[in-house]
Amino acid sequence: MTGTARREDALVEAREVTREYRLKGDLIQAVRGISLEIQAGDFLAIVGPSGSGKSTLLHLLGAVDTPTDGTIYLDGTDVTSMSDPQRARFRLEHVGLVFQRFHLLPMLTATENVELPMAEAGVSRRDRRNRAVELLERVGLANRMRHRPGEISGGQRQRVAVARALANRPSLLLADEPTGELDQATSGEMLELFQSLNEDGTSIAVATHDLTLAAGARKRLTLVDGRIRE
C-alpha cells in the first residue's frame, strides 16, 4: 500500500498493523506488519496453522483488540484512536461477532439472546422483538424461538449466535472458528448460511481451520507466523 490517503471504497483498511504481547516474560509477535483491505460485499476466509495470528487479526479488524502499531479504518473510522468505551459502542453499532463456543446466555430463549445487543443499543422492546423473530426465521429457526440454548443442538446454537450478531445491522460480520464445535454436516449447513447472507449483501470475514468453509468463501488470505503469505 502506497501513500497516506485512506481508500474511500474500502469497508476495512489495515495499514502496517502489528500486535505484540508478553506471555510469561516472552515477547509474542502475533501479527507482524499486515496491510489489507476488505470491500463491502466480501466474504473473506483467514486461514493458517494454529498460532499463525488468525484470531488476533480478526479481533483487530473488528475493534475487539487494538494494535501495538499501525492503523485500522472500519466504516471510514479510525478505530485505533478510540478509547475503550468508544470502541465498545462502535462495535455494538458496526460489528457482528460470532464465536466458536456460541457465548449464548443459557437462561434466555433464542429470541431473548438475539434481542440482547438491540436492548443495549436502546432499541424499543417491540422493535427488537420483531427484529429477533425476523432474524431467527432467516437462519432457519422459526420453530426454536422459545427454546433455550440447552434445548437445541450445537448447529442451532450457532445459528442463534449468527442471528444475534446481525441484530444491529452491522457493516461487518466477523466469525472466529464458527464451525470449530460442529460436525461436518452441520459445518456444511453453516457455510451455506454464510454464503446466503453474503449473497444478500452481508460483508463477512471468518478465521478458520475448516478448509471446506474457507473454500466456500469468495476470497482467502493465508497467515504464517503473523504475516500474509503471498
Protein backbone atom coordinates (compact mmCIF):
# COMPACT_ATOMS: atom_id res chain seq x y z
CA MET A 1 0.00 0.00 0.00
CA THR A 2 1.49 3.34 -1.01
CA GLY A 3 0.83 6.89 0.11
CA THR A 4 -1.10 8.05 3.14
CA ALA A 5 -4.60 8.66 1.75
CA ARG A 6 -7.31 6.35 3.01
CA ARG A 7 -9.12 4.23 0.42
CA GLU A 8 -12.65 5.62 0.41
CA ASP A 9 -14.12 2.46 -1.14
CA ALA A 10 -12.76 0.04 1.47
CA LEU A 11 -15.04 -1.20 4.25
CA VAL A 12 -11.96 -2.19 6.25
CA GLU A 13 -8.43 -0.95 5.71
CA ALA A 14 -5.49 -2.09 7.81
CA ARG A 15 -2.13 -0.32 7.47
CA GLU A 16 1.06 -1.96 8.70
CA VAL A 17 -0.72 -3.48 11.68
CA THR A 18 1.34 -5.18 14.38
CA ARG A 19 0.15 -6.84 17.58
CA GLU A 20 2.62 -7.83 20.26
CA TYR A 21 2.06 -9.05 23.80
CA ARG A 22 4.04 -10.66 26.58
CA LEU A 23 3.46 -14.21 27.75
CA LYS A 24 5.44 -15.36 30.80
CA GLY A 25 8.06 -12.74 30.04
CA ASP A 26 8.42 -13.63 26.36
CA LEU A 27 7.51 -11.14 23.62
CA ILE A 28 4.96 -12.70 21.26
CA GLN A 29 4.56 -11.14 17.81
CA ALA A 30 1.09 -12.38 16.89
CA VAL A 31 0.61 -10.06 13.88
CA ARG A 32 3.55 -8.56 12.01
CA GLY A 33 3.06 -5.53 9.79
CA ILE A 34 -0.09 -6.61 7.96
CA SER A 35 -1.80 -4.35 5.42
CA LEU A 36 -5.06 -5.40 3.78
CA GLU A 37 -8.46 -4.21 2.60
CA ILE A 38 -11.92 -5.71 2.83
CA GLN A 39 -14.51 -4.35 0.43
CA ALA A 40 -18.24 -4.13 1.08
CA GLY A 41 -19.81 -7.42 -0.01
CA ASP A 42 -16.67 -9.51 0.50
CA PHE A 43 -16.67 -12.96 2.08
CA LEU A 44 -13.09 -13.43 3.29
CA ALA A 45 -11.63 -16.53 4.94
CA ILE A 46 -8.46 -16.09 7.01
CA VAL A 47 -6.63 -19.42 7.21
CA GLY A 48 -3.32 -20.71 8.51
CA PRO A 49 -1.85 -23.09 11.09
CA SER A 50 -2.53 -22.79 14.80
CA GLY A 51 -0.66 -19.83 16.26
CA SER A 52 -0.41 -18.03 12.92
CA GLY A 53 -2.36 -15.00 14.16
CA LYS A 54 -5.76 -15.64 12.54
CA SER A 55 -7.93 -14.88 15.56
CA THR A 56 -5.73 -11.97 16.62
CA LEU A 57 -6.05 -10.37 13.20
CA LEU A 58 -9.81 -10.92 13.15
CA HIS A 59 -10.17 -9.27 16.55
CA LEU A 60 -8.07 -6.33 15.42
CA LEU A 61 -10.19 -5.84 12.29
CA GLY A 62 -13.35 -5.86 14.41
CA ALA A 63 -12.05 -3.39 17.01
CA VAL A 64 -12.17 -6.09 19.70
CA ASP A 65 -8.44 -5.60 20.21
CA THR A 66 -6.10 -2.72 19.40
CA PRO A 67 -2.80 -2.99 17.51
CA THR A 68 0.58 -2.28 19.05
CA ASP A 69 1.40 -0.33 15.89
CA GLY A 70 -0.46 0.57 12.71
CA THR A 71 -3.91 1.89 11.88
CA ILE A 72 -7.26 0.27 11.11
CA TYR A 73 -10.18 2.03 9.45
CA LEU A 74 -13.61 0.41 9.69
CA ASP A 75 -16.58 2.02 8.00
CA GLY A 76 -14.42 5.09 7.40
CA THR A 77 -13.49 5.49 11.08
CA ASP A 78 -10.05 5.13 12.62
CA VAL A 79 -10.90 2.62 15.34
CA THR A 80 -7.33 2.50 16.66
CA SER A 81 -7.60 6.05 18.02
CA MET A 82 -10.71 5.36 20.11
CA SER A 83 -10.98 4.94 23.86
CA ASP A 84 -12.23 1.59 25.17
CA PRO A 85 -15.81 2.89 25.74
CA GLN A 86 -15.88 4.46 22.27
CA ARG A 87 -14.66 1.26 20.70
CA ALA A 88 -17.26 -0.81 22.58
CA ARG A 89 -20.05 1.44 21.32
CA PHE A 90 -18.67 1.34 17.80
CA ARG A 91 -18.59 -2.47 17.84
CA LEU A 92 -22.18 -2.58 19.07
CA GLU A 93 -23.32 -0.49 16.11
CA HIS A 94 -20.98 -1.64 13.30
CA VAL A 95 -19.64 -5.15 14.00
CA GLY A 96 -21.34 -8.51 14.46
CA LEU A 97 -19.30 -11.17 16.28
CA VAL A 98 -19.72 -14.95 16.12
CA PHE A 99 -17.56 -17.16 18.34
CA GLN A 100 -16.60 -20.84 18.28
CA ARG A 101 -18.39 -21.58 21.55
CA PHE A 102 -21.51 -19.52 20.88
CA HIS A 103 -21.49 -17.42 24.11
CA LEU A 104 -25.27 -17.54 24.46
CA LEU A 105 -26.85 -16.87 27.87
CA PRO A 106 -28.26 -20.24 28.99
CA MET A 107 -31.20 -18.85 30.94
CA LEU A 108 -32.59 -16.91 27.95
CA THR A 109 -34.57 -18.16 24.99
CA ALA A 110 -33.24 -17.91 21.45
CA THR A 111 -35.36 -14.80 20.90
CA GLU A 112 -34.14 -13.17 24.10
CA ASN A 113 -30.50 -13.90 23.22
CA VAL A 114 -30.93 -12.23 19.84
CA GLU A 115 -32.59 -9.23 21.47
CA LEU A 116 -29.66 -8.55 23.83
CA PRO A 117 -27.48 -6.34 21.59
CA MET A 118 -30.53 -4.38 20.49
CA ALA A 119 -31.53 -3.75 24.09
CA GLU A 120 -28.01 -2.50 24.75
CA ALA A 121 -28.29 -0.20 21.72
CA GLY A 122 -31.55 1.27 23.04
CA VAL A 123 -33.94 -0.32 20.54
CA SER A 124 -37.54 -0.44 21.74
CA ARG A 125 -38.93 -3.70 23.09
CA ARG A 126 -41.40 -4.06 20.22
CA ASP A 127 -38.82 -3.34 17.51
CA ARG A 128 -36.21 -5.65 18.93
CA ARG A 129 -38.72 -8.50 19.30
CA ASN A 130 -39.82 -8.05 15.67
CA ARG A 131 -36.20 -7.96 14.52
CA ALA A 132 -35.30 -11.07 16.54
CA VAL A 133 -38.21 -13.02 15.06
CA GLU A 134 -37.22 -11.90 11.56
CA LEU A 135 -33.61 -12.99 12.06
CA LEU A 136 -34.42 -16.35 13.62
CA GLU A 137 -36.69 -17.07 10.70
CA ARG A 138 -33.87 -16.00 8.36
CA VAL A 139 -31.44 -18.51 9.89
CA GLY A 140 -33.98 -21.34 9.83
CA LEU A 141 -35.08 -21.37 13.48
CA ALA A 142 -38.70 -20.30 13.25
CA ASN A 143 -39.67 -23.33 15.35
CA ARG A 144 -36.96 -22.84 18.02
CA MET A 145 -37.55 -19.25 19.11
CA ARG A 146 -38.71 -20.14 22.63
CA HIS A 147 -36.03 -22.76 23.23
CA ARG A 148 -33.08 -22.12 25.49
CA PRO A 149 -29.52 -23.00 24.37
CA GLY A 150 -29.51 -26.25 26.35
CA GLU A 151 -32.61 -27.41 24.48
CA ILE A 152 -31.19 -27.11 20.94
CA SER A 153 -28.28 -28.63 19.00
CA GLY A 154 -24.83 -27.11 18.56
CA GLY A 155 -25.61 -26.11 15.00
CA GLN A 156 -28.83 -24.44 16.10
CA ARG A 157 -26.99 -22.60 18.88
CA GLN A 158 -24.54 -21.27 16.31
CA ARG A 159 -27.43 -20.10 14.14
CA VAL A 160 -28.83 -18.21 17.13
CA ALA A 161 -25.37 -16.67 17.58
CA VAL A 162 -25.33 -15.59 13.93
CA ALA A 163 -28.80 -14.05 14.29
CA ARG A 164 -27.65 -12.20 17.41
CA ALA A 165 -24.57 -10.91 15.56
CA LEU A 166 -26.80 -9.48 12.83
CA ALA A 167 -29.25 -7.84 15.25
CA ASN A 168 -27.98 -4.26 14.95
CA ARG A 169 -27.44 -4.49 11.17
CA PRO A 170 -23.63 -4.42 11.34
CA SER A 171 -21.44 -3.34 8.46
CA LEU A 172 -19.20 -6.37 9.02
CA LEU A 173 -19.89 -9.87 10.35
CA LEU A 174 -16.83 -11.50 11.93
CA ALA A 175 -16.73 -15.19 12.83
CA ASP A 176 -13.90 -16.80 14.80
CA GLU A 177 -13.75 -20.57 14.13
CA PRO A 178 -17.56 -20.69 13.71
CA THR A 179 -17.57 -24.41 12.79
CA GLY A 180 -15.00 -25.49 15.38
CA GLU A 181 -17.62 -27.08 17.66
CA LEU A 182 -19.73 -28.55 14.86
CA ASP A 183 -19.72 -31.86 12.99
CA GLN A 184 -19.02 -32.00 9.27
CA ALA A 185 -22.63 -32.00 8.12
CA THR A 186 -23.58 -29.10 10.39
CA SER A 187 -20.46 -27.21 9.31
CA GLY A 188 -21.67 -27.52 5.73
CA GLU A 189 -25.01 -26.02 6.74
CA MET A 190 -23.18 -23.12 8.41
CA LEU A 191 -21.24 -22.47 5.20
CA GLU A 192 -24.49 -22.39 3.24
CA LEU A 193 -25.89 -19.87 5.72
CA PHE A 194 -22.85 -17.61 5.41
CA GLN A 195 -22.99 -17.83 1.63
CA SER A 196 -26.68 -16.96 1.64
CA LEU A 197 -26.11 -13.98 3.95
CA ASN A 198 -23.24 -12.82 1.76
CA GLU A 199 -25.38 -13.07 -1.36
CA ASP A 200 -27.89 -10.84 0.43
CA GLY A 201 -25.16 -8.22 0.91
CA THR A 202 -23.61 -9.05 4.30
CA SER A 203 -19.84 -8.49 4.40
CA ILE A 204 -18.17 -11.41 6.20
CA ALA A 205 -14.69 -12.31 7.45
CA VAL A 206 -14.01 -15.65 9.15
CA ALA A 207 -10.92 -17.08 10.83
CA THR A 208 -11.00 -20.83 10.34
CA HIS A 209 -9.17 -24.15 10.20
CA ASP A 210 -12.12 -25.56 8.24
CA LEU A 211 -10.86 -25.94 4.66
CA THR A 212 -14.37 -26.54 3.33
CA LEU A 213 -15.58 -23.30 4.87
CA ALA A 214 -12.52 -21.48 3.51
CA ALA A 215 -13.07 -22.90 0.03
CA GLY A 216 -16.64 -21.61 0.08
CA ALA A 217 -15.57 -18.01 0.74
CA ARG A 218 -15.11 -15.56 -2.14
CA LYS A 219 -11.58 -14.65 -1.04
CA ARG A 220 -8.92 -16.33 1.05
CA LEU A 221 -5.96 -14.94 3.00
CA THR A 222 -3.30 -17.22 4.46
CA LEU A 223 -1.30 -16.27 7.56
CA VAL A 224 2.00 -17.83 8.57
CA ASP A 225 3.86 -16.56 11.64
CA GLY A 226 1.74 -13.41 11.78
CA ARG A 227 2.38 -12.43 8.16
CA ILE A 228 0.35 -12.75 4.98
CA ARG A 229 1.74 -15.48 2.77
CA GLU A 230 1.56 -14.39 -0.85
